[in-house]
Protein backbone atom coordinates (compact mmCIF):
# COMPACT_ATOMS: atom_id res chain seq x y z
CA MET A 1 -126.05 62.86 77.38
CA HIS A 2 -126.34 60.89 74.14
CA ILE A 3 -124.72 62.57 71.15
CA LYS A 4 -126.35 61.62 67.85
CA THR A 5 -123.76 60.77 65.20
CA LYS A 6 -124.12 61.40 61.50
CA LYS A 7 -124.51 58.35 59.28
CA CYS A 8 -122.04 58.17 56.39
CA PRO A 9 -123.98 58.32 53.10
CA LEU A 10 -121.29 56.21 51.36
CA CYS A 11 -120.80 53.21 53.66
CA SER A 12 -123.66 53.80 56.18
CA GLY A 13 -121.13 53.74 59.01
CA THR A 14 -121.78 55.67 62.22
CA LYS A 15 -118.15 56.24 63.23
CA THR A 16 -118.10 59.82 61.95
CA VAL A 17 -116.53 62.98 63.37
CA LYS A 18 -116.65 66.68 62.57
CA ARG A 19 -113.84 67.73 60.25
CA GLY A 20 -113.92 71.40 59.27
CA THR A 21 -116.46 73.34 57.25
CA THR A 22 -117.17 74.09 53.61
CA SER A 23 -116.49 77.45 51.95
CA GLN A 24 -120.17 78.22 52.61
CA GLY A 25 -119.67 77.58 56.32
CA LYS A 26 -121.49 74.23 56.45
CA GLN A 27 -120.24 71.56 58.81
CA LEU A 28 -118.13 68.81 57.23
CA TYR A 29 -118.00 65.27 58.62
CA TRP A 30 -115.41 62.56 58.08
CA CYS A 31 -116.15 58.81 58.19
CA LYS A 32 -113.50 56.78 60.02
CA GLY A 33 -114.75 53.64 58.29
CA CYS A 34 -114.35 54.55 54.62
CA GLY A 35 -112.71 57.98 54.70
CA HIS A 36 -115.63 59.70 52.97
CA ARG A 37 -116.25 63.42 53.69
CA PHE A 38 -119.77 64.78 53.60
CA THR A 39 -121.75 67.83 54.67
CA SER A 40 -124.06 68.04 57.62
CA ALA A 41 -127.18 68.67 55.57
CA HIS A 42 -128.74 65.90 53.46
CA THR A 43 -130.58 68.04 50.97
CA GLU A 44 -131.58 66.86 47.51
CA LYS A 45 -129.01 69.13 45.84
CA GLU A 46 -126.11 68.18 48.11
CA ILE A 47 -126.49 64.41 47.95
CA ASP A 48 -124.61 62.74 45.13
CA GLY A 49 -126.86 60.14 43.52
CA LYS A 50 -124.09 57.58 43.66
CA HIS A 51 -124.22 57.50 47.47
CA ILE A 52 -127.89 56.58 47.38
CA TRP A 53 -127.18 54.05 44.66
CA ILE A 54 -124.43 52.38 46.71
CA ASP A 55 -126.72 52.07 49.73
CA PHE A 56 -129.51 50.76 47.50
CA VAL A 57 -127.43 48.09 45.74
CA PHE A 58 -124.53 47.02 47.94
CA HIS A 59 -125.96 47.83 51.37
CA LYS A 60 -129.36 46.42 50.34
CA GLN A 61 -131.27 49.43 51.68
CA THR A 62 -134.92 49.76 50.63
CA LEU A 63 -136.70 53.01 49.79
CA ARG A 64 -138.27 53.00 53.24
CA GLU A 65 -134.83 52.74 54.86
CA LEU A 66 -133.16 55.29 52.58
CA SER A 67 -135.83 57.95 53.01
CA PRO A 68 -134.97 59.02 56.62
CA VAL A 69 -131.21 58.68 56.04
CA TYR A 70 -131.26 61.25 53.23
CA ASP A 71 -134.17 63.33 54.55
CA MET A 72 -136.17 62.70 51.37
CA ASN A 73 -139.54 61.20 50.70
CA LYS A 74 -139.57 57.84 48.90
CA LYS A 75 -140.56 59.38 45.56
CA THR A 76 -137.53 61.66 45.61
CA VAL A 77 -135.22 58.77 46.51
CA TYR A 78 -136.73 56.72 43.68
CA ALA A 79 -136.15 59.62 41.29
CA HIS A 80 -132.47 59.72 42.28
CA LEU A 81 -132.16 55.99 41.68
CA ASN A 82 -133.78 56.22 38.26
CA ALA A 83 -131.61 59.19 37.31
CA TYR A 84 -128.36 57.50 38.29
CA THR A 85 -126.21 56.53 35.27
CA VAL A 86 -124.24 53.30 35.56
CA LYS A 87 -120.70 53.06 34.23
CA GLU A 88 -119.63 50.97 31.27
CA LYS A 89 -117.43 47.89 31.53
CA LYS A 90 -113.70 48.45 31.04
CA HIS A 91 -111.75 45.61 29.47
CA GLU A 92 -108.27 44.15 29.81
CA PRO A 93 -108.04 41.66 26.90
CA ARG A 94 -106.26 38.39 27.68
CA PRO A 95 -106.62 34.61 27.19
CA VAL A 96 -109.58 33.37 29.26
CA HIS A 97 -111.40 30.22 30.27
CA LEU A 98 -115.05 31.28 30.20
CA LEU A 99 -117.99 30.31 32.37
CA ALA A 100 -121.28 30.96 30.57
CA ASP A 101 -124.82 30.79 31.90
CA ALA A 102 -128.12 32.67 32.18
CA LEU A 103 -130.08 33.83 35.22
CA TYR A 104 -133.86 34.01 34.80
CA PHE A 105 -136.34 36.38 36.43
CA GLY A 106 -140.10 36.82 36.23
CA MET A 107 -143.00 34.39 35.99
CA ARG A 108 -142.96 32.01 33.02
CA LYS A 109 -146.67 31.27 33.32
CA LYS A 110 -147.47 34.98 33.19
CA ASP A 111 -145.14 35.51 30.23
CA THR A 112 -143.00 38.02 32.13
CA THR A 113 -139.81 35.98 31.97
CA TRP A 114 -136.50 37.60 31.10
CA CYS A 115 -132.92 36.69 31.77
CA VAL A 116 -129.37 37.99 31.84
CA VAL A 117 -126.72 35.97 29.99
CA VAL A 118 -123.27 36.30 31.57
CA PHE A 119 -119.70 35.42 30.56
CA ARG A 120 -117.27 35.19 33.50
CA ASP A 121 -113.51 34.69 33.59
CA ALA A 122 -113.08 31.47 35.56
CA ASP A 123 -109.61 32.39 36.83
CA SER A 124 -110.08 36.02 37.94
CA LYS A 125 -113.84 35.63 38.62
CA GLU A 126 -114.44 38.82 36.67
CA ASN A 127 -117.66 39.21 34.70
CA LEU A 128 -116.63 40.15 31.16
CA TRP A 129 -119.90 40.47 29.25
CA TRP A 130 -123.64 40.34 29.91
CA GLN A 131 -126.82 40.90 27.97
CA TYR A 132 -130.53 41.00 28.80
CA THR A 133 -132.94 38.94 26.73
CA THR A 134 -136.24 37.06 26.97
CA GLU A 135 -134.54 33.68 26.58
CA GLU A 136 -131.25 31.97 25.82
CA THR A 137 -130.55 31.69 22.11
CA GLU A 138 -127.57 30.73 20.00
CA SER A 139 -127.49 34.26 18.56
CA ILE A 140 -127.13 35.80 22.04
CA TYR A 141 -124.12 33.61 22.80
CA ARG A 142 -122.63 34.39 19.39
CA GLU A 143 -123.08 38.09 20.13
CA GLY A 144 -121.16 37.73 23.38
CA ARG A 145 -118.37 35.75 21.74
CA THR A 146 -118.01 38.34 18.97
CA TYR A 147 -118.00 41.17 21.51
CA LEU A 148 -115.10 39.69 23.49
CA GLU A 149 -113.07 38.60 20.48
CA GLN A 150 -113.37 42.02 18.87
CA ARG A 151 -111.92 43.52 22.04
CA GLY A 152 -108.91 41.25 21.93
CA TYR A 153 -109.84 38.37 24.23
CA SER A 154 -108.66 34.88 23.33
CA ILE A 155 -111.24 32.33 24.46
CA LEU A 156 -109.44 29.13 25.45
CA SER A 157 -112.47 27.15 26.60
CA VAL A 158 -116.10 27.50 27.65
CA THR A 159 -117.81 25.73 30.54
CA GLY A 160 -121.61 25.78 30.54
CA ASP A 161 -124.83 23.80 30.76
CA GLY A 162 -126.47 21.52 28.24
CA PHE A 163 -127.99 24.22 26.02
CA GLY A 164 -127.03 23.22 22.47
CA GLY A 165 -126.91 26.81 21.23
CA LEU A 166 -124.12 27.55 23.69
CA ARG A 167 -121.90 24.76 22.38
CA SER A 168 -122.52 25.51 18.72
CA SER A 169 -121.93 29.25 19.11
CA PHE A 170 -118.38 28.64 20.36
CA LEU A 171 -117.23 26.01 17.86
CA PRO A 172 -114.43 24.98 17.49
CA ILE A 173 -113.44 26.22 20.96
CA LEU A 174 -113.17 23.51 23.64
CA PHE A 175 -116.44 23.03 25.55
CA GLN A 176 -116.78 21.51 29.03
CA MET A 177 -120.21 20.38 30.19
CA CYS A 178 -120.74 21.53 33.79
CA LEU A 179 -120.68 18.37 35.89
CA VAL A 180 -123.15 19.82 38.39
CA HIS A 181 -125.63 20.52 35.57
CA MET A 182 -125.09 16.99 34.30
CA GLU A 183 -125.96 15.56 37.71
CA ARG A 184 -129.11 17.70 37.83
CA ILE A 185 -130.23 16.37 34.46
CA VAL A 186 -129.79 12.80 35.68
CA VAL A 187 -131.63 13.55 38.94
CA ARG A 188 -134.69 14.56 36.89
CA GLY A 189 -134.89 10.94 35.81
CA THR A 190 -133.85 9.23 39.03
CA THR A 191 -134.94 11.69 41.78
CA ARG A 192 -132.47 12.40 44.58
CA LYS A 193 -133.61 9.31 46.49
CA PRO A 194 -134.45 6.74 43.81
CA LYS A 195 -136.49 3.73 44.90
CA LEU A 196 -135.60 1.52 41.96
CA LEU A 197 -132.23 -0.23 41.96
CA GLN A 198 -131.62 0.88 38.38
CA GLY A 199 -132.07 4.53 39.43
CA GLN A 200 -129.82 4.11 42.45
CA VAL A 201 -127.04 2.63 40.34
CA LEU A 202 -127.29 5.35 37.67
CA LEU A 203 -127.22 8.17 40.23
CA ALA A 204 -124.24 6.61 42.00
CA LEU A 205 -122.46 6.28 38.66
CA THR A 206 -123.15 9.92 37.79
CA ARG A 207 -121.73 11.11 41.09
CA THR A 208 -118.40 9.48 40.23
CA LEU A 209 -117.96 12.09 37.47
CA PHE A 210 -116.09 14.32 39.90
CA ASP A 211 -113.35 11.77 40.66
CA THR A 212 -113.02 9.44 37.68
CA THR A 213 -111.56 9.41 34.18
CA GLU A 214 -113.24 9.45 30.80
CA GLU A 215 -112.06 5.95 30.00
CA LEU A 216 -113.31 4.42 33.24
CA PHE A 217 -116.62 6.30 33.22
CA THR A 218 -117.31 5.31 29.59
CA GLN A 219 -116.71 1.66 30.47
CA ARG A 220 -119.03 1.83 33.48
CA LEU A 221 -121.78 3.62 31.57
CA GLN A 222 -121.63 1.05 28.78
CA HIS A 223 -121.75 -1.75 31.34
CA TYR A 224 -124.81 -0.12 32.95
CA ILE A 225 -126.60 0.11 29.59
CA GLU A 226 -125.84 -3.51 28.73
CA THR A 227 -126.93 -4.72 32.17
CA TYR A 228 -130.25 -2.86 32.21
CA ARG A 229 -130.96 -2.66 28.48
CA ASP A 230 -134.19 -4.68 28.69
CA PHE A 231 -135.39 -2.65 31.66
CA LEU A 232 -134.69 0.65 29.88
CA ASN A 233 -136.40 -0.53 26.68
CA GLU A 234 -139.47 -1.95 28.44
CA LYS A 235 -142.70 -0.68 26.84
CA ALA A 236 -146.38 -0.72 27.69
CA THR A 237 -149.20 -0.66 25.14
CA SER A 238 -152.71 0.71 25.47
CA ASP A 239 -155.44 -1.90 24.80
CA LEU A 240 -157.75 0.85 23.57
CA THR A 241 -155.54 2.85 21.20
CA GLY A 242 -152.61 0.55 20.57
CA GLU A 243 -150.30 3.37 21.53
CA SER A 244 -147.08 2.31 23.23
CA TRP A 245 -144.61 4.12 25.48
CA PHE A 246 -141.48 3.46 27.51
CA VAL A 247 -142.37 2.38 31.04
CA HIS A 248 -139.27 3.98 32.56
CA ALA A 249 -139.13 7.00 30.24
CA ASP A 250 -137.54 9.42 32.74
CA LEU A 251 -134.73 7.04 33.64
CA ARG A 252 -134.18 6.24 29.97
CA LYS A 253 -133.88 9.99 29.17
CA ALA A 254 -131.30 10.37 31.92
CA VAL A 255 -129.19 7.57 30.42
CA LEU A 256 -129.49 9.02 26.92
CA SER A 257 -128.47 12.44 28.26
CA LEU A 258 -125.33 10.99 29.82
CA ARG A 259 -124.44 9.29 26.56
CA ARG A 260 -125.16 12.45 24.54
CA PHE A 261 -123.02 14.71 26.73
CA LEU A 262 -120.24 12.16 27.24
CA PRO A 263 -117.94 13.83 24.63
CA TYR A 264 -118.02 17.06 26.71
CA LEU A 265 -117.81 15.71 30.27
CA PHE A 266 -114.04 15.23 30.37
CA THR A 267 -112.76 18.08 28.22
CA TYR A 268 -110.79 19.27 31.26
CA GLU A 269 -108.54 16.21 30.86
CA LYS A 270 -107.03 17.98 27.82
CA ASP A 271 -106.22 21.07 29.90
CA LYS A 272 -106.32 21.07 33.69
CA SER A 273 -106.98 24.84 33.66
CA ILE A 274 -110.47 24.25 32.25
CA PRO A 275 -113.07 24.49 35.07
CA ARG A 276 -115.31 21.45 35.45
CA THR A 277 -118.32 23.37 36.79
CA THR A 278 -119.95 26.80 36.64
CA ASN A 279 -120.13 26.96 40.46
CA SER A 280 -118.37 30.34 40.61
CA LEU A 281 -121.00 31.88 38.35
CA GLU A 282 -123.92 30.10 40.03
CA GLY A 283 -122.86 31.29 43.47
CA HIS A 284 -122.62 34.82 42.08
CA PHE A 285 -126.11 34.45 40.60
CA SER A 286 -127.51 33.36 43.96
CA HIS A 287 -126.32 36.56 45.68
CA LEU A 288 -127.49 38.67 42.74
CA ARG A 289 -130.98 37.17 42.90
CA ASP A 290 -131.16 37.89 46.63
CA VAL A 291 -130.49 41.60 46.04
CA VAL A 292 -133.04 41.82 43.21
CA ASN A 293 -135.63 40.09 45.41
CA ILE A 294 -135.08 42.68 48.15
CA HIS A 295 -136.05 45.33 45.58
CA ARG A 296 -138.77 43.21 43.95
CA GLY A 297 -141.07 46.24 43.61
CA ALA A 298 -138.58 48.01 41.33
CA SER A 299 -139.23 48.37 37.61
CA PRO A 300 -137.50 45.94 35.20
CA GLN A 301 -135.28 48.82 34.03
CA LEU A 302 -134.16 49.59 37.58
CA LYS A 303 -133.58 45.89 38.28
CA GLN A 304 -131.33 45.72 35.23
CA LYS A 305 -129.34 48.69 36.53
CA ILE A 306 -128.92 46.86 39.84
CA ILE A 307 -127.76 43.74 38.00
CA HIS A 308 -125.39 45.77 35.82
CA THR A 309 -123.76 47.36 38.87
CA ILE A 310 -123.28 44.03 40.64
CA LEU A 311 -121.97 42.33 37.51
CA LEU A 312 -119.62 45.27 36.99
CA ALA A 313 -118.27 44.69 40.50
CA SER A 314 -118.19 40.91 39.91
CA THR A 315 -119.22 40.56 43.55
CA ILE A 316 -122.04 41.63 45.86
CA ALA A 317 -119.53 42.63 48.55
CA PRO A 318 -116.89 44.89 46.96
CA THR A 319 -114.47 46.84 49.14
CA ASP A 320 -114.90 50.59 49.55
CA GLU A 321 -112.01 51.12 47.15
CA GLU A 322 -113.64 48.86 44.56
CA ILE A 323 -116.97 50.67 45.00
CA ARG A 324 -115.36 54.00 44.18
CA LYS A 325 -114.10 52.57 40.88
CA ILE A 326 -117.49 51.11 40.01
CA VAL A 327 -119.86 54.06 40.71
């Protein structure tokens, strides 16, 4: 005879056993997986909203999946999710090397775009500050810097992408241009499989950023520019309008971008603790986007609560002990 086990509302585990009763005589269950104790009845009053929230965010359960688990219709589950109050970030001020970037959501063509700007401690991989906005601006980054400094953080360096407002908002703090972002900018002008020799050489040169020095790279870039100067400056002129343009405009822009960001590509040579890329933050963003996409029908406000909870955890897969501190 098959005995149906109770599902733990905290970790969704099925290794649960009976463990006493409440003062009202209701059966208590204990989860062997996470140690959570819960009652036998999943009524609206007895279920703590945080259990539903944990399943919704960290166990990636949809409304349709949560409804039978908690014996509630989807509207009631949704009401619990909306009513849940997320905790605030607690800080432990210290010297930090920051990773800074923004993750965008929505459709730009439909003017529904919004983003979350995040500062992450590169060493501990802890998210320290985040803010929702319609776009990246210098003022947003200044706001984040002020927030951390007022709480006692000492910002040693910042690693980010090519957005000028990011660099200027942290002056005179050391800035490291993310080498992965630099390669992406160059690829826009060369493509990943360039047909032209000039594109092949520039892409190969860019990929040496990860294992070269500033002195050597500067010499090679200058040599490239001198070798292909005529090619990069080649123009075509319209017979009808007399208007002229660069024939290899995309490749030329890639070269100019390398030269413009050159002062920030090797900042890490001054301090080996400075991260060269924002990969830690980008990987975190990838998992965060996956969770938000699972709940794509949620309102923007609910999506931001999901994002807040994940950023508070600094991971999409916290331990049960970490979850208890977060929710």
